[in-house]
């Protein structure tokens, strides 16, 4: 019980073997842990990107719009979630398109 209390409250000084072993375990964990454990290639369903396209590139037909967005973004799996019509200060109409 006393050992657990000492470990939890860390009452060891730097010169003790327990301290050295614990530091070695930390360093071993840092350098020997596989990178795949921290790699997150999966995409969340809520992760979206926004593209802004000119009116000439926009189509209200969703399949046509998705095909154009895939070509523009370079993402062959891009899926249109939503779009909004905006006017920029020059008076030009653009569309903000949310893709997943």
N, C-alpha and C. Protein backbone atom coordinates (compact mmCIF):
# COMPACT_ATOMS: atom_id res chain seq x y z
N UNK A 1 0.82 -1.19 0.00
CA UNK A 1 0.00 0.00 0.00
C UNK A 1 0.87 1.25 0.00
N UNK A 2 1.95 1.17 0.74
CA UNK A 2 2.87 2.30 0.84
C UNK A 2 3.54 2.58 -0.52
N UNK A 3 3.83 1.52 -1.27
CA UNK A 3 4.46 1.68 -2.59
C UNK A 3 3.51 2.36 -3.56
N UNK A 4 2.24 1.98 -3.54
CA UNK A 4 1.25 2.63 -4.42
C UNK A 4 1.08 4.11 -4.08
N UNK A 5 1.09 4.40 -2.80
CA UNK A 5 0.97 5.79 -2.37
C UNK A 5 2.18 6.60 -2.84
N UNK A 6 3.37 6.01 -2.73
CA UNK A 6 4.58 6.69 -3.18
C UNK A 6 4.57 6.89 -4.70
N UNK A 7 4.09 5.88 -5.43
CA UNK A 7 4.03 6.01 -6.90
C UNK A 7 3.01 7.07 -7.30
N UNK A 8 1.88 7.05 -6.67
CA UNK A 8 0.82 7.99 -7.02
C UNK A 8 1.20 9.43 -6.68
N UNK A 9 1.75 9.63 -5.53
CA UNK A 9 2.15 10.96 -5.09
C UNK A 9 3.56 11.34 -5.54
N UNK A 10 4.27 10.39 -6.09
CA UNK A 10 5.64 10.52 -6.62
C UNK A 10 6.57 11.20 -5.63
N UNK A 11 6.89 10.44 -4.64
CA UNK A 11 7.79 10.95 -3.60
C UNK A 11 9.22 10.46 -3.78
N UNK A 12 9.58 10.05 -5.00
CA UNK A 12 10.93 9.56 -5.28
C UNK A 12 11.80 10.70 -5.80
N UNK A 13 13.04 10.73 -5.40
CA UNK A 13 13.97 11.74 -5.91
C UNK A 13 14.62 11.23 -7.20
N UNK A 14 15.36 12.10 -7.87
CA UNK A 14 15.95 11.74 -9.16
C UNK A 14 17.04 10.69 -9.06
N UNK A 15 17.64 10.54 -7.94
CA UNK A 15 18.77 9.60 -7.80
C UNK A 15 18.32 8.16 -7.57
N UNK A 16 17.04 7.91 -7.39
CA UNK A 16 16.59 6.56 -7.06
C UNK A 16 16.41 5.74 -8.33
N UNK A 17 16.50 4.44 -8.17
CA UNK A 17 16.35 3.54 -9.32
C UNK A 17 14.91 3.53 -9.84
N UNK A 18 13.94 3.75 -8.98
CA UNK A 18 12.54 3.80 -9.40
C UNK A 18 12.32 4.95 -10.38
N UNK A 19 12.92 6.09 -10.07
CA UNK A 19 12.81 7.25 -10.95
C UNK A 19 13.43 6.96 -12.32
N UNK A 20 14.59 6.37 -12.33
CA UNK A 20 15.29 6.05 -13.58
C UNK A 20 14.49 5.04 -14.39
N UNK A 21 13.98 4.03 -13.77
CA UNK A 21 13.19 3.01 -14.48
C UNK A 21 11.92 3.63 -15.06
N UNK A 22 11.27 4.47 -14.29
CA UNK A 22 10.05 5.11 -14.78
C UNK A 22 10.36 6.01 -15.98
N UNK A 23 11.44 6.77 -15.92
CA UNK A 23 11.84 7.61 -17.06
C UNK A 23 12.17 6.76 -18.28
N UNK A 24 12.84 5.63 -18.08
CA UNK A 24 13.15 4.74 -19.20
C UNK A 24 11.87 4.16 -19.82
N UNK A 25 10.89 3.85 -18.99
CA UNK A 25 9.61 3.37 -19.51
C UNK A 25 8.91 4.44 -20.35
N UNK A 26 8.97 5.66 -19.91
CA UNK A 26 8.36 6.76 -20.67
C UNK A 26 9.06 6.93 -22.02
N UNK A 27 10.38 6.94 -22.01
CA UNK A 27 11.14 7.08 -23.26
C UNK A 27 10.89 5.89 -24.18
N UNK A 28 10.84 4.69 -23.63
CA UNK A 28 10.55 3.50 -24.44
C UNK A 28 9.17 3.60 -25.07
N UNK A 29 8.20 4.07 -24.31
CA UNK A 29 6.86 4.23 -24.86
C UNK A 29 6.86 5.23 -26.01
N UNK A 30 7.57 6.33 -25.85
CA UNK A 30 7.60 7.37 -26.89
C UNK A 30 8.22 6.82 -28.18
N UNK A 31 9.34 6.12 -28.07
CA UNK A 31 10.05 5.70 -29.27
C UNK A 31 9.61 4.34 -29.83
N UNK A 32 8.98 3.52 -29.02
CA UNK A 32 8.62 2.18 -29.48
C UNK A 32 7.14 2.02 -29.82
N UNK A 33 6.34 3.03 -29.57
CA UNK A 33 4.92 2.94 -29.89
C UNK A 33 4.73 3.03 -31.40
N UNK A 34 3.99 2.09 -31.99
CA UNK A 34 3.76 2.14 -33.43
C UNK A 34 2.98 3.40 -33.83
N UNK A 35 3.37 3.98 -34.96
CA UNK A 35 2.73 5.20 -35.42
C UNK A 35 1.27 4.95 -35.76
N UNK A 36 0.91 3.75 -36.14
CA UNK A 36 -0.46 3.42 -36.51
C UNK A 36 -1.44 3.60 -35.34
N UNK A 37 -0.96 3.53 -34.12
CA UNK A 37 -1.83 3.72 -32.97
C UNK A 37 -2.41 5.13 -32.93
N UNK A 38 -1.68 6.08 -33.48
CA UNK A 38 -2.10 7.48 -33.44
C UNK A 38 -2.58 8.00 -34.78
N UNK A 39 -2.55 7.19 -35.80
CA UNK A 39 -2.99 7.58 -37.13
C UNK A 39 -4.50 7.41 -37.23
N UNK A 40 -5.22 8.47 -37.65
CA UNK A 40 -6.68 8.43 -37.74
C UNK A 40 -7.11 8.67 -39.19
N UNK A 41 -7.04 7.67 -40.04
CA UNK A 41 -7.42 7.89 -41.44
C UNK A 41 -8.93 7.98 -41.65
N UNK A 42 -9.70 7.51 -40.69
CA UNK A 42 -11.15 7.53 -40.85
C UNK A 42 -11.67 8.97 -40.78
N UNK A 43 -12.65 9.24 -41.62
CA UNK A 43 -13.26 10.57 -41.64
C UNK A 43 -14.56 10.53 -40.86
N UNK A 44 -14.80 11.58 -40.13
CA UNK A 44 -16.04 11.66 -39.38
C UNK A 44 -17.17 12.09 -40.32
N UNK A 45 -18.37 11.65 -40.03
CA UNK A 45 -19.51 11.99 -40.88
C UNK A 45 -19.80 13.49 -40.85
N UNK A 46 -19.38 14.17 -39.81
CA UNK A 46 -19.67 15.60 -39.69
C UNK A 46 -18.58 16.47 -40.29
N UNK A 47 -17.49 15.84 -40.75
CA UNK A 47 -16.39 16.62 -41.30
C UNK A 47 -16.75 17.09 -42.72
N UNK A 48 -16.81 18.39 -42.91
CA UNK A 48 -17.16 18.93 -44.21
C UNK A 48 -16.13 19.96 -44.63
N UNK A 49 -16.09 20.21 -45.92
CA UNK A 49 -15.26 21.25 -46.50
C UNK A 49 -16.17 22.18 -47.27
N UNK A 50 -15.70 23.38 -47.50
CA UNK A 50 -16.51 24.34 -48.24
C UNK A 50 -15.74 24.81 -49.47
N UNK A 51 -16.40 24.74 -50.60
CA UNK A 51 -15.85 25.26 -51.85
C UNK A 51 -16.67 26.45 -52.29
N UNK A 52 -16.02 27.40 -52.90
CA UNK A 52 -16.73 28.54 -53.48
C UNK A 52 -16.53 28.47 -54.98
N UNK A 53 -17.64 28.39 -55.71
CA UNK A 53 -17.57 28.27 -57.17
C UNK A 53 -18.32 29.42 -57.83
N UNK A 54 -17.91 29.70 -59.04
CA UNK A 54 -18.59 30.75 -59.82
C UNK A 54 -19.96 30.27 -60.24
N UNK A 55 -20.78 31.21 -60.65
CA UNK A 55 -22.13 30.86 -61.08
C UNK A 55 -22.08 29.98 -62.32
N UNK A 56 -21.07 30.17 -63.18
CA UNK A 56 -20.97 29.36 -64.40
C UNK A 56 -20.65 27.90 -64.11
N UNK A 57 -20.01 27.61 -62.96
CA UNK A 57 -19.68 26.23 -62.58
C UNK A 57 -20.77 25.57 -61.76
N UNK A 58 -21.79 26.32 -61.37
CA UNK A 58 -22.85 25.79 -60.51
C UNK A 58 -23.96 25.19 -61.37
N UNK A 59 -24.56 24.12 -60.85
CA UNK A 59 -25.72 23.50 -61.47
C UNK A 59 -26.70 23.12 -60.36
N UNK A 60 -27.96 23.45 -60.51
CA UNK A 60 -28.94 23.05 -59.48
C UNK A 60 -29.21 21.56 -59.48
N UNK A 61 -28.79 20.87 -60.54
CA UNK A 61 -28.96 19.42 -60.63
C UNK A 61 -27.85 18.77 -59.80
N UNK A 62 -28.21 18.10 -58.70
CA UNK A 62 -27.23 17.59 -57.75
C UNK A 62 -26.22 16.61 -58.36
N UNK A 63 -26.64 15.63 -59.18
CA UNK A 63 -25.63 14.73 -59.76
C UNK A 63 -24.61 15.46 -60.65
N UNK A 64 -25.08 16.42 -61.41
CA UNK A 64 -24.17 17.19 -62.27
C UNK A 64 -23.23 18.03 -61.40
N UNK A 65 -23.78 18.65 -60.36
CA UNK A 65 -22.99 19.47 -59.45
C UNK A 65 -21.93 18.62 -58.75
N UNK A 66 -22.29 17.42 -58.29
CA UNK A 66 -21.32 16.55 -57.64
C UNK A 66 -20.21 16.16 -58.59
N UNK A 67 -20.53 15.91 -59.84
CA UNK A 67 -19.51 15.56 -60.83
C UNK A 67 -18.55 16.73 -61.03
N UNK A 68 -19.06 17.94 -61.11
CA UNK A 68 -18.20 19.12 -61.26
C UNK A 68 -17.35 19.35 -60.02
N UNK A 69 -17.95 19.16 -58.85
CA UNK A 69 -17.22 19.36 -57.60
C UNK A 69 -16.11 18.33 -57.46
N UNK A 70 -16.35 17.11 -57.87
CA UNK A 70 -15.30 16.08 -57.81
C UNK A 70 -14.13 16.46 -58.71
N UNK A 71 -14.43 17.03 -59.86
CA UNK A 71 -13.37 17.46 -60.77
C UNK A 71 -12.61 18.66 -60.20
N UNK A 72 -13.32 19.60 -59.61
CA UNK A 72 -12.68 20.80 -59.07
C UNK A 72 -11.84 20.48 -57.83
N UNK A 73 -12.40 19.69 -56.92
CA UNK A 73 -11.72 19.41 -55.65
C UNK A 73 -10.66 18.33 -55.78
N UNK A 74 -10.76 17.48 -56.79
CA UNK A 74 -9.82 16.37 -56.92
C UNK A 74 -10.16 15.21 -56.00
N UNK A 75 -11.32 15.26 -55.38
CA UNK A 75 -11.75 14.20 -54.47
C UNK A 75 -12.82 13.37 -55.19
N UNK A 76 -12.49 12.14 -55.61
CA UNK A 76 -13.46 11.33 -56.35
C UNK A 76 -14.65 10.86 -55.53
N UNK A 77 -14.58 11.02 -54.20
CA UNK A 77 -15.68 10.58 -53.33
C UNK A 77 -16.47 11.76 -52.76
N UNK A 78 -16.23 12.96 -53.27
CA UNK A 78 -16.90 14.15 -52.73
C UNK A 78 -18.41 14.04 -52.90
N UNK A 79 -19.11 14.44 -51.84
CA UNK A 79 -20.57 14.40 -51.83
C UNK A 79 -21.09 15.76 -51.39
N UNK A 80 -22.00 16.33 -52.18
CA UNK A 80 -22.54 17.66 -51.87
C UNK A 80 -23.54 17.53 -50.73
N UNK A 81 -23.32 18.32 -49.68
CA UNK A 81 -24.21 18.31 -48.52
C UNK A 81 -25.22 19.45 -48.63
N UNK A 82 -24.73 20.65 -48.96
CA UNK A 82 -25.59 21.83 -49.02
C UNK A 82 -24.90 22.91 -49.84
N UNK A 83 -25.67 23.90 -50.31
CA UNK A 83 -25.09 25.05 -50.99
C UNK A 83 -25.90 26.30 -50.69
N UNK A 84 -25.19 27.42 -50.81
CA UNK A 84 -25.80 28.73 -50.56
C UNK A 84 -25.35 29.70 -51.64
N UNK A 85 -26.27 30.56 -52.05
CA UNK A 85 -25.97 31.58 -53.04
C UNK A 85 -25.48 32.83 -52.30
N UNK A 86 -24.36 33.41 -52.77
CA UNK A 86 -23.79 34.61 -52.14
C UNK A 86 -23.41 35.61 -53.24
N UNK A 87 -23.44 36.87 -52.88
CA UNK A 87 -22.94 37.91 -53.77
C UNK A 87 -21.69 38.51 -53.14
N UNK A 88 -20.61 38.54 -53.91
CA UNK A 88 -19.38 39.13 -53.41
C UNK A 88 -19.41 40.63 -53.69
N UNK A 89 -18.56 41.42 -53.04
CA UNK A 89 -18.63 42.87 -53.16
C UNK A 89 -18.61 43.42 -54.59
N UNK A 90 -18.01 42.73 -55.54
CA UNK A 90 -17.98 43.20 -56.92
C UNK A 90 -19.31 43.02 -57.64
N UNK A 91 -20.29 42.43 -56.97
CA UNK A 91 -21.59 42.20 -57.58
C UNK A 91 -21.71 40.84 -58.25
N UNK A 92 -20.63 40.07 -58.25
CA UNK A 92 -20.65 38.74 -58.87
C UNK A 92 -21.34 37.74 -57.94
N UNK A 93 -22.08 36.83 -58.52
CA UNK A 93 -22.77 35.79 -57.75
C UNK A 93 -21.89 34.54 -57.70
N UNK A 94 -21.68 34.02 -56.48
CA UNK A 94 -20.93 32.78 -56.28
C UNK A 94 -21.78 31.86 -55.41
N UNK A 95 -21.37 30.61 -55.36
CA UNK A 95 -22.07 29.61 -54.54
C UNK A 95 -21.08 28.99 -53.57
N UNK A 96 -21.47 28.95 -52.30
CA UNK A 96 -20.70 28.23 -51.28
C UNK A 96 -21.27 26.82 -51.20
N UNK A 97 -20.44 25.84 -51.46
CA UNK A 97 -20.90 24.45 -51.50
C UNK A 97 -20.19 23.66 -50.41
N UNK A 98 -20.96 23.06 -49.52
CA UNK A 98 -20.43 22.21 -48.47
C UNK A 98 -20.34 20.79 -49.00
N UNK A 99 -19.15 20.19 -48.88
CA UNK A 99 -18.97 18.81 -49.35
C UNK A 99 -18.47 17.96 -48.21
N UNK A 100 -18.72 16.68 -48.34
CA UNK A 100 -18.25 15.71 -47.37
C UNK A 100 -17.44 14.68 -48.11
